[in-house]
């Protein structure tokens, strides 16, 4: 359709048609907003437990991490969680920590291939010789 024909069609449209079009557009936008709110209401990407753990020097050398919960758009996304750490992981899933000297260890959680949490990290820091021993 040529530009002049489109202009003529719009010009010849009844005013109520334009008003109804705008009203339905607004209703659709509001419905989409509230649907999104309902679908994502229970979404979470949170550490289970504390984000800062303190261990005494010469304390327990094994640390068992509680992990994270990850729900996006009402679906469990735990299988997409990627863990990066500077600790050695044991076969049973626990981590070995050198508690003979003061230092910091970390566990960084990210979610791979997630629309909702793609650029978000959750970090747990384990401090050997921390202030709250």
C-alpha atoms as a PDB file:
ATOM      1  CA  UNK A   1       0.000   0.000   0.000  1.00  0.00           C
ATOM      2  CA  UNK A   2       1.388   3.397  -0.895  1.00  0.00           C
ATOM      3  CA  UNK A   3       1.959   6.070   1.684  1.00  0.00           C
ATOM      4  CA  UNK A   4      -0.868   8.262   0.355  1.00  0.00           C
ATOM      5  CA  UNK A   5      -3.341   5.368   0.554  1.00  0.00           C
ATOM      6  CA  UNK A   6      -2.346   4.704   4.179  1.00  0.00           C
ATOM      7  CA  UNK A   7      -2.788   8.368   5.092  1.00  0.00           C
ATOM      8  CA  UNK A   8      -6.176   8.394   3.375  1.00  0.00           C
ATOM      9  CA  UNK A   9      -7.253   5.197   5.215  1.00  0.00           C
ATOM     10  CA  UNK A  10      -6.251   6.666   8.582  1.00  0.00           C
ATOM     11  CA  UNK A  11      -7.911   9.969   7.752  1.00  0.00           C
ATOM     12  CA  UNK A  12     -11.149   8.171   6.809  1.00  0.00           C
ATOM     13  CA  UNK A  13     -11.144   6.017   9.965  1.00  0.00           C
ATOM     14  CA  UNK A  14     -13.863   6.663  12.452  1.00  0.00           C
ATOM     15  CA  UNK A  15     -12.579   8.426  15.615  1.00  0.00           C
ATOM     16  CA  UNK A  16     -13.960   5.641  17.805  1.00  0.00           C
ATOM     17  CA  UNK A  17     -11.726   3.154  15.967  1.00  0.00           C
ATOM     18  CA  UNK A  18      -8.628   5.125  16.908  1.00  0.00           C
ATOM     19  CA  UNK A  19      -9.799   5.512  20.510  1.00  0.00           C
ATOM     20  CA  UNK A  20     -10.500   1.767  20.788  1.00  0.00           C
ATOM     21  CA  UNK A  21      -7.078   0.987  19.328  1.00  0.00           C
ATOM     22  CA  UNK A  22      -5.383   3.147  21.967  1.00  0.00           C
ATOM     23  CA  UNK A  23      -7.527   1.680  24.771  1.00  0.00           C
ATOM     24  CA  UNK A  24      -6.696  -1.899  23.739  1.00  0.00           C
ATOM     25  CA  UNK A  25      -3.019  -1.016  23.478  1.00  0.00           C
ATOM     26  CA  UNK A  26      -3.051   0.328  27.051  1.00  0.00           C
ATOM     27  CA  UNK A  27      -4.990  -2.705  28.335  1.00  0.00           C
ATOM     28  CA  UNK A  28      -2.483  -5.047  26.672  1.00  0.00           C
ATOM     29  CA  UNK A  29       0.491  -3.222  28.176  1.00  0.00           C
ATOM     30  CA  UNK A  30      -1.026  -3.260  31.678  1.00  0.00           C
ATOM     31  CA  UNK A  31      -1.964  -6.949  31.369  1.00  0.00           C
ATOM     32  CA  UNK A  32       1.586  -7.775  30.218  1.00  0.00           C
ATOM     33  CA  UNK A  33       3.095  -5.881  33.148  1.00  0.00           C
ATOM     34  CA  UNK A  34       0.973  -7.676  35.736  1.00  0.00           C
ATOM     35  CA  UNK A  35       1.499 -11.064  34.073  1.00  0.00           C
ATOM     36  CA  UNK A  36       5.256 -10.518  34.278  1.00  0.00           C
ATOM     37  CA  UNK A  37       4.934  -9.566  37.966  1.00  0.00           C
ATOM     38  CA  UNK A  38       2.949 -12.738  38.701  1.00  0.00           C
ATOM     39  CA  UNK A  39       5.317 -15.028  36.777  1.00  0.00           C
ATOM     40  CA  UNK A  40       8.445 -13.615  38.456  1.00  0.00           C
ATOM     41  CA  UNK A  41       6.974 -13.171  41.951  1.00  0.00           C
ATOM     42  CA  UNK A  42       8.895 -16.077  43.517  1.00  0.00           C
ATOM     43  CA  UNK A  43      12.104 -15.722  41.507  1.00  0.00           C
ATOM     44  CA  UNK A  44      15.293 -15.812  43.546  1.00  0.00           C
ATOM     45  CA  UNK A  45      19.042 -16.170  43.230  1.00  0.00           C
ATOM     46  CA  UNK A  46      20.294 -16.161  46.810  1.00  0.00           C
ATOM     47  CA  UNK A  47      23.040 -17.681  48.901  1.00  0.00           C
ATOM     48  CA  UNK A  48      21.871 -20.283  51.388  1.00  0.00           C
ATOM     49  CA  UNK A  49      23.424 -19.179  54.664  1.00  0.00           C
ATOM     50  CA  UNK A  50      25.835 -16.351  55.349  1.00  0.00           C
ATOM     51  CA  UNK A  51      27.901 -14.557  52.716  1.00  0.00           C
ATOM     52  CA  UNK A  52      30.840 -14.147  55.135  1.00  0.00           C
ATOM     53  CA  UNK A  53      32.242 -17.170  57.017  1.00  0.00           C
ATOM     54  CA  UNK A  54      35.058 -16.841  59.558  1.00  0.00           C
ATOM     55  CA  UNK A  55      37.255 -19.798  60.560  1.00  0.00           C
ATOM     56  CA  UNK A  56      39.879 -19.750  63.308  1.00  0.00           C
ATOM     57  CA  UNK A  57      43.532 -20.306  62.456  1.00  0.00           C
ATOM     58  CA  UNK A  58      44.280 -24.030  62.863  1.00  0.00           C
ATOM     59  CA  UNK A  59      40.520 -24.634  62.861  1.00  0.00           C
ATOM     60  CA  UNK A  60      38.539 -27.131  60.800  1.00  0.00           C
ATOM     61  CA  UNK A  61      40.200 -27.664  57.397  1.00  0.00           C
ATOM     62  CA  UNK A  62      37.042 -28.896  55.647  1.00  0.00           C
ATOM     63  CA  UNK A  63      34.227 -26.573  54.648  1.00  0.00           C
ATOM     64  CA  UNK A  64      30.835 -27.761  53.387  1.00  0.00           C
ATOM     65  CA  UNK A  65      29.065 -25.047  51.443  1.00  0.00           C
ATOM     66  CA  UNK A  66      25.283 -24.690  51.597  1.00  0.00           C
ATOM     67  CA  UNK A  67      25.070 -23.462  47.985  1.00  0.00           C
ATOM     68  CA  UNK A  68      22.475 -21.186  46.390  1.00  0.00           C
ATOM     69  CA  UNK A  69      18.851 -21.271  45.341  1.00  0.00           C
ATOM     70  CA  UNK A  70      18.048 -20.158  41.814  1.00  0.00           C
ATOM     71  CA  UNK A  71      14.522 -19.835  40.445  1.00  0.00           C
ATOM     72  CA  UNK A  72      13.785 -17.798  37.306  1.00  0.00           C
ATOM     73  CA  UNK A  73      10.343 -17.334  35.758  1.00  0.00           C
ATOM     74  CA  UNK A  74       8.955 -19.988  38.101  1.00  0.00           C
ATOM     75  CA  UNK A  75      11.496 -22.658  37.058  1.00  0.00           C
ATOM     76  CA  UNK A  76      14.339 -24.154  39.063  1.00  0.00           C
ATOM     77  CA  UNK A  77      17.568 -23.008  37.375  1.00  0.00           C
ATOM     78  CA  UNK A  78      19.951 -24.804  39.766  1.00  0.00           C
ATOM     79  CA  UNK A  79      21.352 -26.921  36.924  1.00  0.00           C
ATOM     80  CA  UNK A  80      22.615 -23.719  35.264  1.00  0.00           C
ATOM     81  CA  UNK A  81      24.587 -22.492  38.308  1.00  0.00           C
ATOM     82  CA  UNK A  82      28.353 -22.341  37.727  1.00  0.00           C
ATOM     83  CA  UNK A  83      30.745 -22.358  40.694  1.00  0.00           C
ATOM     84  CA  UNK A  84      34.183 -20.720  40.681  1.00  0.00           C
ATOM     85  CA  UNK A  85      36.448 -20.959  43.728  1.00  0.00           C
ATOM     86  CA  UNK A  86      40.052 -20.738  44.864  1.00  0.00           C
ATOM     87  CA  UNK A  87      39.624 -23.789  47.123  1.00  0.00           C
ATOM     88  CA  UNK A  88      40.163 -27.455  46.344  1.00  0.00           C
ATOM     89  CA  UNK A  89      36.923 -29.400  46.075  1.00  0.00           C
ATOM     90  CA  UNK A  90      36.864 -32.925  47.499  1.00  0.00           C
ATOM     91  CA  UNK A  91      35.031 -35.901  45.982  1.00  0.00           C
ATOM     92  CA  UNK A  92      32.191 -35.519  48.506  1.00  0.00           C
ATOM     93  CA  UNK A  93      31.566 -31.882  47.459  1.00  0.00           C
ATOM     94  CA  UNK A  94      33.247 -30.302  50.498  1.00  0.00           C
ATOM     95  CA  UNK A  95      36.195 -27.928  50.192  1.00  0.00           C
ATOM     96  CA  UNK A  96      39.670 -28.131  51.738  1.00  0.00           C
ATOM     97  CA  UNK A  97      40.942 -24.949  53.360  1.00  0.00           C
ATOM     98  CA  UNK A  98      44.481 -24.239  54.575  1.00  0.00           C
ATOM     99  CA  UNK A  99      43.760 -23.019  58.107  1.00  0.00           C
ATOM    100  CA  UNK A 100      47.403 -22.891  59.160  1.00  0.00           C
ATOM    101  CA  UNK A 101      47.752 -19.321  57.845  1.00  0.00           C
ATOM    102  CA  UNK A 102      45.475 -16.320  57.669  1.00  0.00           C
ATOM    103  CA  UNK A 103      43.795 -15.762  54.296  1.00  0.00           C
ATOM    104  CA  UNK A 104      40.615 -15.417  52.272  1.00  0.00           C
ATOM    105  CA  UNK A 105      38.855 -17.964  50.126  1.00  0.00           C
ATOM    106  CA  UNK A 106      35.851 -17.400  47.932  1.00  0.00           C
ATOM    107  CA  UNK A 107      33.053 -19.192  46.138  1.00  0.00           C
ATOM    108  CA  UNK A 108      31.477 -17.290  43.235  1.00  0.00           C
ATOM    109  CA  UNK A 109      28.133 -18.433  41.864  1.00  0.00           C
ATOM    110  CA  UNK A 110      26.879 -17.348  38.437  1.00  0.00           C
ATOM    111  CA  UNK A 111      23.992 -18.586  36.312  1.00  0.00           C
ATOM    112  CA  UNK A 112      24.808 -19.641  32.765  1.00  0.00           C
ATOM    113  CA  UNK A 113      22.286 -19.108  29.940  1.00  0.00           C
ATOM    114  CA  UNK A 114      19.736 -17.315  32.101  1.00  0.00           C
ATOM    115  CA  UNK A 115      17.656 -14.408  30.843  1.00  0.00           C
ATOM    116  CA  UNK A 116      17.014 -13.138  34.355  1.00  0.00           C
ATOM    117  CA  UNK A 117      20.352 -13.637  36.161  1.00  0.00           C
ATOM    118  CA  UNK A 118      22.889 -13.619  33.321  1.00  0.00           C
ATOM    119  CA  UNK A 119      25.119 -10.844  34.717  1.00  0.00           C
ATOM    120  CA  UNK A 120      24.542 -11.417  38.440  1.00  0.00           C
ATOM    121  CA  UNK A 121      26.968 -13.087  40.868  1.00  0.00           C
ATOM    122  CA  UNK A 122      26.582 -14.314  44.412  1.00  0.00           C
ATOM    123  CA  UNK A 123      29.814 -14.480  46.420  1.00  0.00           C
ATOM    124  CA  UNK A 124      30.635 -16.241  49.672  1.00  0.00           C
ATOM    125  CA  UNK A 125      33.920 -15.283  51.379  1.00  0.00           C
ATOM    126  CA  UNK A 126      35.570 -17.646  53.870  1.00  0.00           C
ATOM    127  CA  UNK A 127      38.147 -15.865  56.014  1.00  0.00           C
ATOM    128  CA  UNK A 128      40.746 -17.825  57.995  1.00  0.00           C
ATOM    129  CA  UNK A 129      41.689 -15.820  61.089  1.00  0.00           C
ATOM    130  CA  UNK A 130      38.715 -13.469  60.704  1.00  0.00           C
ATOM    131  CA  UNK A 131      37.547 -11.096  63.417  1.00  0.00           C
ATOM    132  CA  UNK A 132      34.439 -13.086  64.447  1.00  0.00           C
ATOM    133  CA  UNK A 133      36.203 -16.359  65.287  1.00  0.00           C
END
